C-alpha atoms as a PDB file:
ATOM      1  CA  MET A   1       0.000   0.000   0.000  1.00  0.00           C
ATOM      2  CA  ARG A   2       1.070   3.486  -0.547  1.00  0.00           C
ATOM      3  CA  LYS A   3       1.798   5.737   2.420  1.00  0.00           C
ATOM      4  CA  ARG A   4      -1.204   7.957   1.733  1.00  0.00           C
ATOM      5  CA  ALA A   5      -3.633   5.027   1.621  1.00  0.00           C
ATOM      6  CA  ALA A   6      -2.314   3.694   4.927  1.00  0.00           C
ATOM      7  CA  ARG A   7      -2.893   7.062   6.641  1.00  0.00           C
ATOM      8  CA  GLY A   8      -6.402   7.278   5.252  1.00  0.00           C
ATOM      9  CA  SER A   9      -7.371   3.824   6.461  1.00  0.00           C
ATOM     10  CA  SER A  10      -6.032   4.570   9.960  1.00  0.00           C
ATOM     11  CA  PHE A  11      -8.200   7.683  10.101  1.00  0.00           C
ATOM     12  CA  ILE A  12     -11.297   5.718   9.056  1.00  0.00           C
ATOM     13  CA  GLU A  13     -10.552   3.039  11.676  1.00  0.00           C
ATOM     14  CA  ALA A  14     -10.184   5.695  14.383  1.00  0.00           C
ATOM     15  CA  ILE A  15     -13.547   7.232  13.451  1.00  0.00           C
ATOM     16  CA  CYS A  16     -15.251   3.819  13.499  1.00  0.00           C
ATOM     17  CA  ILE A  17     -13.820   2.989  16.916  1.00  0.00           C
ATOM     18  CA  ALA A  18     -14.789   6.423  18.286  1.00  0.00           C
ATOM     19  CA  THR A  19     -18.395   5.984  17.141  1.00  0.00           C
ATOM     20  CA  VAL A  20     -18.565   2.861  19.300  1.00  0.00           C
ATOM     21  CA  LEU A  21     -16.511   3.974  22.315  1.00  0.00           C
ATOM     22  CA  ILE A  22     -18.078   7.403  22.841  1.00  0.00           C
ATOM     23  CA  PRO A  23     -21.676   6.119  23.345  1.00  0.00           C
ATOM     24  CA  ILE A  24     -20.387   3.356  25.640  1.00  0.00           C
ATOM     25  CA  THR A  25     -18.528   5.953  27.717  1.00  0.00           C
ATOM     26  CA  LEU A  26     -21.623   8.143  27.979  1.00  0.00           C
ATOM     27  CA  VAL A  27     -23.776   5.190  29.085  1.00  0.00           C
ATOM     28  CA  LEU A  28     -21.173   4.314  31.727  1.00  0.00           C
ATOM     29  CA  LEU A  29     -21.250   7.914  32.974  1.00  0.00           C
ATOM     30  CA  ASP A  30     -25.018   7.664  33.415  1.00  0.00           C
ATOM     31  CA  CYS A  31     -24.689   4.305  35.188  1.00  0.00           C
ATOM     32  CA  ILE A  32     -22.098   5.713  37.592  1.00  0.00           C
ATOM     33  CA  THR A  33     -24.398   8.665  38.305  1.00  0.00           C
ATOM     34  CA  ILE A  34     -27.283   6.297  39.062  1.00  0.00           C
ATOM     35  CA  VAL A  35     -25.172   4.174  41.423  1.00  0.00           C
ATOM     36  CA  ILE A  36     -23.846   7.215  43.309  1.00  0.00           C
ATOM     37  CA  ALA A  37     -27.334   8.740  43.608  1.00  0.00           C
ATOM     38  CA  ASN A  38     -28.769   5.464  44.927  1.00  0.00           C
ATOM     39  CA  SER A  39     -25.967   5.196  47.465  1.00  0.00           C
ATOM     40  CA  MET A  40     -26.571   8.767  48.565  1.00  0.00           C
ATOM     41  CA  ASN A  41     -30.310   8.091  48.928  1.00  0.00           C
ATOM     42  CA  ASP A  42     -29.644   4.970  51.008  1.00  0.00           C
ATOM     43  CA  THR A  43     -27.329   6.929  53.292  1.00  0.00           C
ATOM     44  CA  ALA A  44     -29.877   9.739  53.659  1.00  0.00           C
ATOM     45  CA  ALA A  45     -32.628   7.250  54.597  1.00  0.00           C
ATOM     46  CA  LYS A  46     -30.390   5.581  57.173  1.00  0.00           C
ATOM     47  CA  ASN A  47     -29.293   8.910  58.688  1.00  0.00           C
ATOM     48  CA  ALA A  48     -32.883  10.174  58.867  1.00  0.00           C
ATOM     49  CA  ALA A  49     -34.135   6.952  60.491  1.00  0.00           C
ATOM     50  CA  ARG A  50     -31.302   6.976  63.034  1.00  0.00           C
ATOM     51  CA  ALA A  51     -31.914  10.624  63.902  1.00  0.00           C
ATOM     52  CA  ALA A  52     -35.645   9.996  64.285  1.00  0.00           C
ATOM     53  CA  ALA A  53     -35.055   6.871  66.392  1.00  0.00           C
ATOM     54  CA  SER A  54     -33.081   8.862  68.945  1.00  0.00           C
ATOM     55  CA  GLN A  55     -36.050  11.154  69.695  1.00  0.00           C
ATOM     56  CA  GLU A  56     -38.714  10.730  72.377  1.00  0.00           C
ATOM     57  CA  ASP A  57     -41.783  11.408  70.209  1.00  0.00           C
ATOM     58  CA  GLY A  58     -42.957  11.576  66.613  1.00  0.00           C
ATOM     59  CA  GLY A  59     -42.928  15.373  66.347  1.00  0.00           C
ATOM     60  CA  ASN A  60     -39.295  15.674  67.358  1.00  0.00           C
ATOM     61  CA  ALA A  61     -38.492  12.660  65.193  1.00  0.00           C
ATOM     62  CA  ALA A  62     -39.774  14.382  62.046  1.00  0.00           C
ATOM     63  CA  LEU A  63     -37.707  17.492  62.790  1.00  0.00           C
ATOM     64  CA  ALA A  64     -34.594  15.427  63.496  1.00  0.00           C
ATOM     65  CA  ALA A  65     -35.067  13.424  60.289  1.00  0.00           C
ATOM     66  CA  GLU A  66     -35.372  16.600  58.178  1.00  0.00           C
ATOM     67  CA  LYS A  67     -32.279  18.007  59.839  1.00  0.00           C
ATOM     68  CA  ALA A  68     -30.384  14.765  59.147  1.00  0.00           C
ATOM     69  CA  ILE A  69     -30.997  14.921  55.384  1.00  0.00           C
ATOM     70  CA  ALA A  70     -30.292  18.666  55.095  1.00  0.00           C
ATOM     71  CA  PRO A  71     -26.612  18.149  54.106  1.00  0.00           C
ATOM     72  CA  PHE A  72     -27.733  15.984  51.174  1.00  0.00           C
ATOM     73  CA  LYS A  73     -30.007  18.731  49.794  1.00  0.00           C
ATOM     74  CA  LYS A  74     -27.235  20.997  48.522  1.00  0.00           C
ATOM     75  CA  PRO A  75     -27.967  22.405  45.031  1.00  0.00           C
ATOM     76  CA  SER A  76     -26.590  20.206  42.280  1.00  0.00           C
ATOM     77  CA  PRO A  77     -26.982  19.963  38.511  1.00  0.00           C
ATOM     78  CA  ILE A  78     -27.627  16.229  38.901  1.00  0.00           C
ATOM     79  CA  ILE A  79     -29.819  16.018  42.025  1.00  0.00           C
ATOM     80  CA  ASN A  80     -33.160  17.766  41.525  1.00  0.00           C
ATOM     81  CA  SER A  81     -34.571  16.927  44.949  1.00  0.00           C
ATOM     82  CA  LEU A  82     -34.178  14.697  47.975  1.00  0.00           C
ATOM     83  CA  SER A  83     -37.067  14.425  50.401  1.00  0.00           C
ATOM     84  CA  ILE A  84     -38.616  12.259  53.068  1.00  0.00           C
ATOM     85  CA  LYS A  85     -41.521  10.418  51.507  1.00  0.00           C
ATOM     86  CA  GLU A  86     -42.719   8.665  54.650  1.00  0.00           C
ATOM     87  CA  LEU A  87     -41.679   8.670  58.295  1.00  0.00           C
ATOM     88  CA  ALA A  88     -43.457   6.204  60.580  1.00  0.00           C
ATOM     89  CA  TYR A  89     -42.682   6.482  64.301  1.00  0.00           C
ATOM     90  CA  GLY A  90     -43.974   3.263  65.829  1.00  0.00           C
ATOM     91  CA  ALA A  91     -43.866   1.705  69.267  1.00  0.00           C
ATOM     92  CA  ASP A  92     -40.466   0.038  68.834  1.00  0.00           C
ATOM     93  CA  THR A  93     -39.138   1.127  65.432  1.00  0.00           C
ATOM     94  CA  VAL A  94     -38.895   4.082  63.106  1.00  0.00           C
ATOM     95  CA  SER A  95     -39.348   3.572  59.384  1.00  0.00           C
ATOM     96  CA  CYS A  96     -38.098   6.243  57.003  1.00  0.00           C
ATOM     97  CA  THR A  97     -38.501   6.297  53.219  1.00  0.00           C
ATOM     98  CA  THR A  98     -36.626   8.904  51.179  1.00  0.00           C
ATOM     99  CA  THR A  99     -37.003   9.803  47.513  1.00  0.00           C
ATOM    100  CA  ILE A 100     -34.307  11.200  45.260  1.00  0.00           C
ATOM    101  CA  ASP A 101     -34.983  12.729  41.857  1.00  0.00           C
ATOM    102  CA  ILE A 102     -31.930  12.894  39.586  1.00  0.00           C
ATOM    103  CA  HIS A 103     -31.203  14.370  36.187  1.00  0.00           C
ATOM    104  CA  LEU A 104     -28.906  12.194  34.074  1.00  0.00           C
ATOM    105  CA  PRO A 105     -25.859  13.990  32.642  1.00  0.00           C
ATOM    106  CA  MET A 106     -26.203  12.270  29.251  1.00  0.00           C
ATOM    107  CA  PRO A 107     -29.853  11.202  29.228  1.00  0.00           C
ATOM    108  CA  PHE A 108     -31.235   8.261  27.335  1.00  0.00           C
ATOM    109  CA  PRO A 109     -34.167   9.186  25.119  1.00  0.00           C
ATOM    110  CA  GLY A 110     -37.191   9.176  27.425  1.00  0.00           C
ATOM    111  CA  TYR A 111     -35.113   8.830  30.604  1.00  0.00           C
ATOM    112  CA  THR A 112     -34.015  12.356  31.433  1.00  0.00           C
ATOM    113  CA  ASN A 113     -35.075  12.305  35.101  1.00  0.00           C
ATOM    114  CA  LEU A 114     -35.184   9.251  37.349  1.00  0.00           C
ATOM    115  CA  LYS A 115     -36.671   8.775  40.838  1.00  0.00           C
ATOM    116  CA  PHE A 116     -35.466   6.287  43.409  1.00  0.00           C
ATOM    117  CA  ASP A 117     -36.802   5.376  46.852  1.00  0.00           C
ATOM    118  CA  ALA A 118     -34.825   4.051  49.808  1.00  0.00           C
ATOM    119  CA  LYS A 119     -36.232   2.693  53.059  1.00  0.00           C
ATOM    120  CA  ASP A 120     -34.588   2.079  56.393  1.00  0.00           C
ATOM    121  CA  ILE A 121     -35.956   0.786  59.692  1.00  0.00           C
ATOM    122  CA  GLU A 122     -34.184   1.507  62.984  1.00  0.00           C
ATOM    123  CA  PRO A 123     -35.079   0.548  66.573  1.00  0.00           C
ATOM    124  CA  ILE A 124     -36.151   3.427  68.801  1.00  0.00           C
ATOM    125  CA  VAL A 125     -33.463   4.238  71.353  1.00  0.00           C
ATOM    126  CA  GLY A 126     -34.568   7.686  72.518  1.00  0.00           C
ATOM    127  CA  LYS A 127     -37.603   6.869  74.664  1.00  0.00           C
ATOM    128  CA  LYS A 128     -37.378   7.161  78.408  1.00  0.00           C
ATOM    129  CA  VAL A 129     -38.206   3.999  80.296  1.00  0.00           C
ATOM    130  CA  ASN A 130     -40.647   4.439  83.195  1.00  0.00           C
ATOM    131  CA  PRO A 131     -39.422   2.663  86.348  1.00  0.00           C
END
């Protein structure tokens, strides 16, 4: 082959490989974002349930749970919202469900925003025991 033909074929091969590798990289970026957001949601649910479980009543538990997830609510281009969906203060346990709404950095068609729920149950440790 001539030198010019060899350079041209290398350029075509590079373009073909790039058309495959770039979409795969973008999908992996979205997958990493989903995994990190789910992990963050799980941690927020656990922190909220633990904070609520250390309170003496349901009213204080709701305030403590909101305060526990406040650090996760910082403005972000990826996280649209993080909120407590349900907080159940029972006789022996506290159940907390959080919801996170994320915006994918490189969205799939039809999947721009995704919502995930996380639930955690913790035993109540903050009640006073009557002697």
